[in-house]
C-alpha atoms as a PDB file:
ATOM      1  CA  MET A   1       3.984 -13.037 -10.956  1.00  0.00           C
ATOM      2  CA  LYS A   2       7.352 -13.427 -11.901  1.00  0.00           C
ATOM      3  CA  ASP A   3       7.976 -10.615 -13.208  1.00  0.00           C
ATOM      4  CA  CYS A   4       6.325  -8.323 -10.375  1.00  0.00           C
ATOM      5  CA  ILE A   5       8.437  -6.393  -7.831  1.00  0.00           C
ATOM      6  CA  PHE A   6       5.838  -5.718  -5.895  1.00  0.00           C
ATOM      7  CA  CYS A   7       5.050 -10.000  -5.419  1.00  0.00           C
ATOM      8  CA  LYS A   8       8.895 -10.228  -5.058  1.00  0.00           C
ATOM      9  CA  ILE A   9       9.735  -8.674  -2.078  1.00  0.00           C
ATOM     10  CA  ALA A  10       6.284  -9.897  -0.757  1.00  0.00           C
ATOM     11  CA  ASN A  11       8.292 -13.154  -1.422  1.00  0.00           C
ATOM     12  CA  LYS A  12      11.505 -11.974   0.150  1.00  0.00           C
ATOM     13  CA  GLU A  13      13.514 -12.028  -3.150  1.00  0.00           C
ATOM     14  CA  ILE A  14      14.000  -8.689  -3.235  1.00  0.00           C
ATOM     15  CA  PRO A  15      15.243  -6.684   0.085  1.00  0.00           C
ATOM     16  CA  SER A  16      12.924  -3.857   1.678  1.00  0.00           C
ATOM     17  CA  ASN A  17      12.331  -2.395   4.401  1.00  0.00           C
ATOM     18  CA  ILE A  18       9.290  -3.981   5.954  1.00  0.00           C
ATOM     19  CA  VAL A  19       6.564  -2.474   8.369  1.00  0.00           C
ATOM     20  CA  TYR A  20       4.083  -5.253   9.361  1.00  0.00           C
ATOM     21  CA  GLU A  21       3.295  -8.453   8.222  1.00  0.00           C
ATOM     22  CA  ASP A  22       1.173 -11.283   8.084  1.00  0.00           C
ATOM     23  CA  ASP A  23       0.015 -14.384   6.223  1.00  0.00           C
ATOM     24  CA  LYS A  24      -2.350 -11.779   3.538  1.00  0.00           C
ATOM     25  CA  VAL A  25      -0.445  -8.517   3.706  1.00  0.00           C
ATOM     26  CA  ILE A  26       3.089  -7.215   3.916  1.00  0.00           C
ATOM     27  CA  ALA A  27       3.448  -3.304   4.125  1.00  0.00           C
ATOM     28  CA  PHE A  28       6.992  -1.339   3.784  1.00  0.00           C
ATOM     29  CA  LYS A  29       8.435   1.407   3.309  1.00  0.00           C
ATOM     30  CA  ASP A  30       8.227   3.135   0.263  1.00  0.00           C
ATOM     31  CA  LEU A  31      12.459   4.026  -1.929  1.00  0.00           C
ATOM     32  CA  ASN A  32      11.034   7.237  -2.592  1.00  0.00           C
ATOM     33  CA  PRO A  33       8.932   8.982   0.116  1.00  0.00           C
ATOM     34  CA  GLN A  34       6.252  11.549  -0.522  1.00  0.00           C
ATOM     35  CA  ALA A  35       5.674  12.057   3.516  1.00  0.00           C
ATOM     36  CA  PRO A  36       7.395  12.040   6.808  1.00  0.00           C
ATOM     37  CA  ILE A  37       6.067   8.610   6.569  1.00  0.00           C
ATOM     38  CA  HIS A  38       5.436   6.700   3.170  1.00  0.00           C
ATOM     39  CA  ILE A  39       4.510   3.167   3.931  1.00  0.00           C
ATOM     40  CA  LEU A  40       3.452   0.687   1.185  1.00  0.00           C
ATOM     41  CA  VAL A  41       0.515  -1.454   1.616  1.00  0.00           C
ATOM     42  CA  ILE A  42      -0.271  -4.715  -0.398  1.00  0.00           C
ATOM     43  CA  PRO A  43      -1.715  -7.963  -0.278  1.00  0.00           C
ATOM     44  CA  LYS A  44       0.658 -11.038  -1.001  1.00  0.00           C
ATOM     45  CA  GLU A  45      -1.709 -11.856  -3.257  1.00  0.00           C
ATOM     46  CA  HIS A  46      -1.026 -10.785  -6.922  1.00  0.00           C
ATOM     47  CA  ILE A  47      -4.359  -8.546  -8.307  1.00  0.00           C
ATOM     48  CA  GLU A  48      -3.290  -5.921 -10.973  1.00  0.00           C
ATOM     49  CA  SER A  49      -5.576  -3.527 -10.060  1.00  0.00           C
ATOM     50  CA  LEU A  50      -8.892  -2.489  -8.439  1.00  0.00           C
ATOM     51  CA  ASN A  51     -10.308  -2.814 -11.767  1.00  0.00           C
ATOM     52  CA  GLN A  52      -9.511  -6.992 -11.271  1.00  0.00           C
ATOM     53  CA  ILE A  53     -11.002  -7.110  -7.381  1.00  0.00           C
ATOM     54  CA  ASP A  54     -13.943  -8.831  -7.268  1.00  0.00           C
ATOM     55  CA  GLU A  55     -15.701 -10.906  -4.911  1.00  0.00           C
ATOM     56  CA  ARG A  56     -13.327 -13.934  -4.685  1.00  0.00           C
ATOM     57  CA  ASN A  57     -10.875 -11.280  -3.579  1.00  0.00           C
ATOM     58  CA  ALA A  58     -12.643  -8.248  -2.264  1.00  0.00           C
ATOM     59  CA  ASN A  59     -12.191  -9.014   1.006  1.00  0.00           C
ATOM     60  CA  LEU A  60      -8.370  -9.071   1.012  1.00  0.00           C
ATOM     61  CA  ILE A  61      -8.683  -5.225   0.411  1.00  0.00           C
ATOM     62  CA  SER A  62     -10.474  -5.086   4.129  1.00  0.00           C
ATOM     63  CA  ASP A  63      -7.184  -6.896   5.356  1.00  0.00           C
ATOM     64  CA  VAL A  64      -5.634  -4.689   3.964  1.00  0.00           C
ATOM     65  CA  MET A  65      -7.369  -1.421   5.511  1.00  0.00           C
ATOM     66  CA  LEU A  66      -7.372  -3.044   8.774  1.00  0.00           C
ATOM     67  CA  VAL A  67      -3.649  -3.001   8.227  1.00  0.00           C
ATOM     68  CA  ILE A  68      -3.767   0.232   6.915  1.00  0.00           C
ATOM     69  CA  ARG A  69      -5.269   1.331  10.171  1.00  0.00           C
ATOM     70  CA  LYS A  70      -2.995  -0.387  13.041  1.00  0.00           C
ATOM     71  CA  LEU A  71      -0.150   1.109  11.030  1.00  0.00           C
ATOM     72  CA  ALA A  72      -1.723   4.911  11.530  1.00  0.00           C
ATOM     73  CA  LYS A  73      -2.507   4.126  15.821  1.00  0.00           C
ATOM     74  CA  ASP A  74       1.048   2.116  15.964  1.00  0.00           C
ATOM     75  CA  LEU A  75       3.123   5.037  13.754  1.00  0.00           C
ATOM     76  CA  GLU A  76       1.198   7.514  15.814  1.00  0.00           C
ATOM     77  CA  ILE A  77      -0.679   9.601  12.626  1.00  0.00           C
ATOM     78  CA  GLU A  78      -4.534   8.454  13.446  1.00  0.00           C
ATOM     79  CA  GLU A  79      -5.216  11.952  15.199  1.00  0.00           C
ATOM     80  CA  LYS A  80      -4.112  14.040  13.235  1.00  0.00           C
ATOM     81  CA  GLY A  81      -4.465  12.566  10.233  1.00  0.00           C
ATOM     82  CA  TYR A  82      -3.220  10.596   6.735  1.00  0.00           C
ATOM     83  CA  ARG A  83      -3.728  10.091   3.534  1.00  0.00           C
ATOM     84  CA  VAL A  84      -4.431   6.627   1.778  1.00  0.00           C
ATOM     85  CA  VAL A  85      -3.798   6.693  -2.065  1.00  0.00           C
ATOM     86  CA  ASN A  86      -4.432   4.284  -4.563  1.00  0.00           C
ATOM     87  CA  ASN A  87      -3.749   4.961  -7.987  1.00  0.00           C
ATOM     88  CA  CYS A  88      -5.068   3.015 -10.674  1.00  0.00           C
ATOM     89  CA  GLY A  89      -4.339   2.686 -13.940  1.00  0.00           C
ATOM     90  CA  GLU A  90      -1.884   4.618 -16.400  1.00  0.00           C
ATOM     91  CA  TYR A  91      -3.740   7.970 -15.956  1.00  0.00           C
ATOM     92  CA  GLY A  92      -4.676   7.520 -12.578  1.00  0.00           C
ATOM     93  CA  GLY A  93      -1.020   7.752 -11.850  1.00  0.00           C
ATOM     94  CA  GLN A  94      -0.511   3.259 -11.169  1.00  0.00           C
ATOM     95  CA  THR A  95       3.807   2.694 -11.941  1.00  0.00           C
ATOM     96  CA  VAL A  96       3.429  -0.830 -10.074  1.00  0.00           C
ATOM     97  CA  PHE A  97       0.954  -3.359 -12.025  1.00  0.00           C
ATOM     98  CA  HIS A  98       0.188  -5.054  -8.337  1.00  0.00           C
ATOM     99  CA  ILE A  99      -2.572  -3.539  -6.173  1.00  0.00           C
ATOM    100  CA  HIS A 100      -1.181  -1.517  -3.619  1.00  0.00           C
ATOM    101  CA  PHE A 101      -1.986   1.722  -1.332  1.00  0.00           C
ATOM    102  CA  HIS A 102       0.466   4.312   0.100  1.00  0.00           C
ATOM    103  CA  LEU A 103       0.023   5.398   3.150  1.00  0.00           C
ATOM    104  CA  LEU A 104       1.263   8.882   3.609  1.00  0.00           C
ATOM    105  CA  GLY A 105       1.231  10.365   7.111  1.00  0.00           C
ATOM    106  CA  GLY A 106       3.856  12.943   9.325  1.00  0.00           C
ATOM    107  CA  ARG A 107       2.788  15.969   7.351  1.00  0.00           C
ATOM    108  CA  LYS A 108      -0.059  18.322   6.415  1.00  0.00           C
ATOM    109  CA  PHE A 109      -1.994  18.026   2.866  1.00  0.00           C
ATOM    110  CA  SER A 110      -3.804  19.990   0.298  1.00  0.00           C
ATOM    111  CA  TRP A 111      -6.034  19.736  -2.966  1.00  0.00           C
ATOM    112  CA  PRO A 112      -6.690  18.798  -4.955  1.00  0.00           C
ATOM    113  CA  PRO A 113      -3.796  16.246  -5.122  1.00  0.00           C
ATOM    114  CA  GLY A 114      -2.051  17.555  -8.703  1.00  0.00           C
END
């Protein structure tokens, strides 16, 4: 998608602090971290939100989750715990309309999140 900031990051048109990349998924540090560890993990393919997941692209979500698991282990937050967040739509707090998952760790989180 031409105007999508995450597509531009995935296509290396905008610099970012990339911590992981393969042919389907890219992960980079959030510019406005909400925890000591705050990584955004996205599929390279533009998908607006979870509402656009179907049989054709559902496998990308499992690819993203496997990357999140790998990053949690590599960042040594696997044992103490971490949070994975996906915001879907305006009321869900989604501000960039390219599906993405926040990997948050390095501190204890409370519930409800707010």
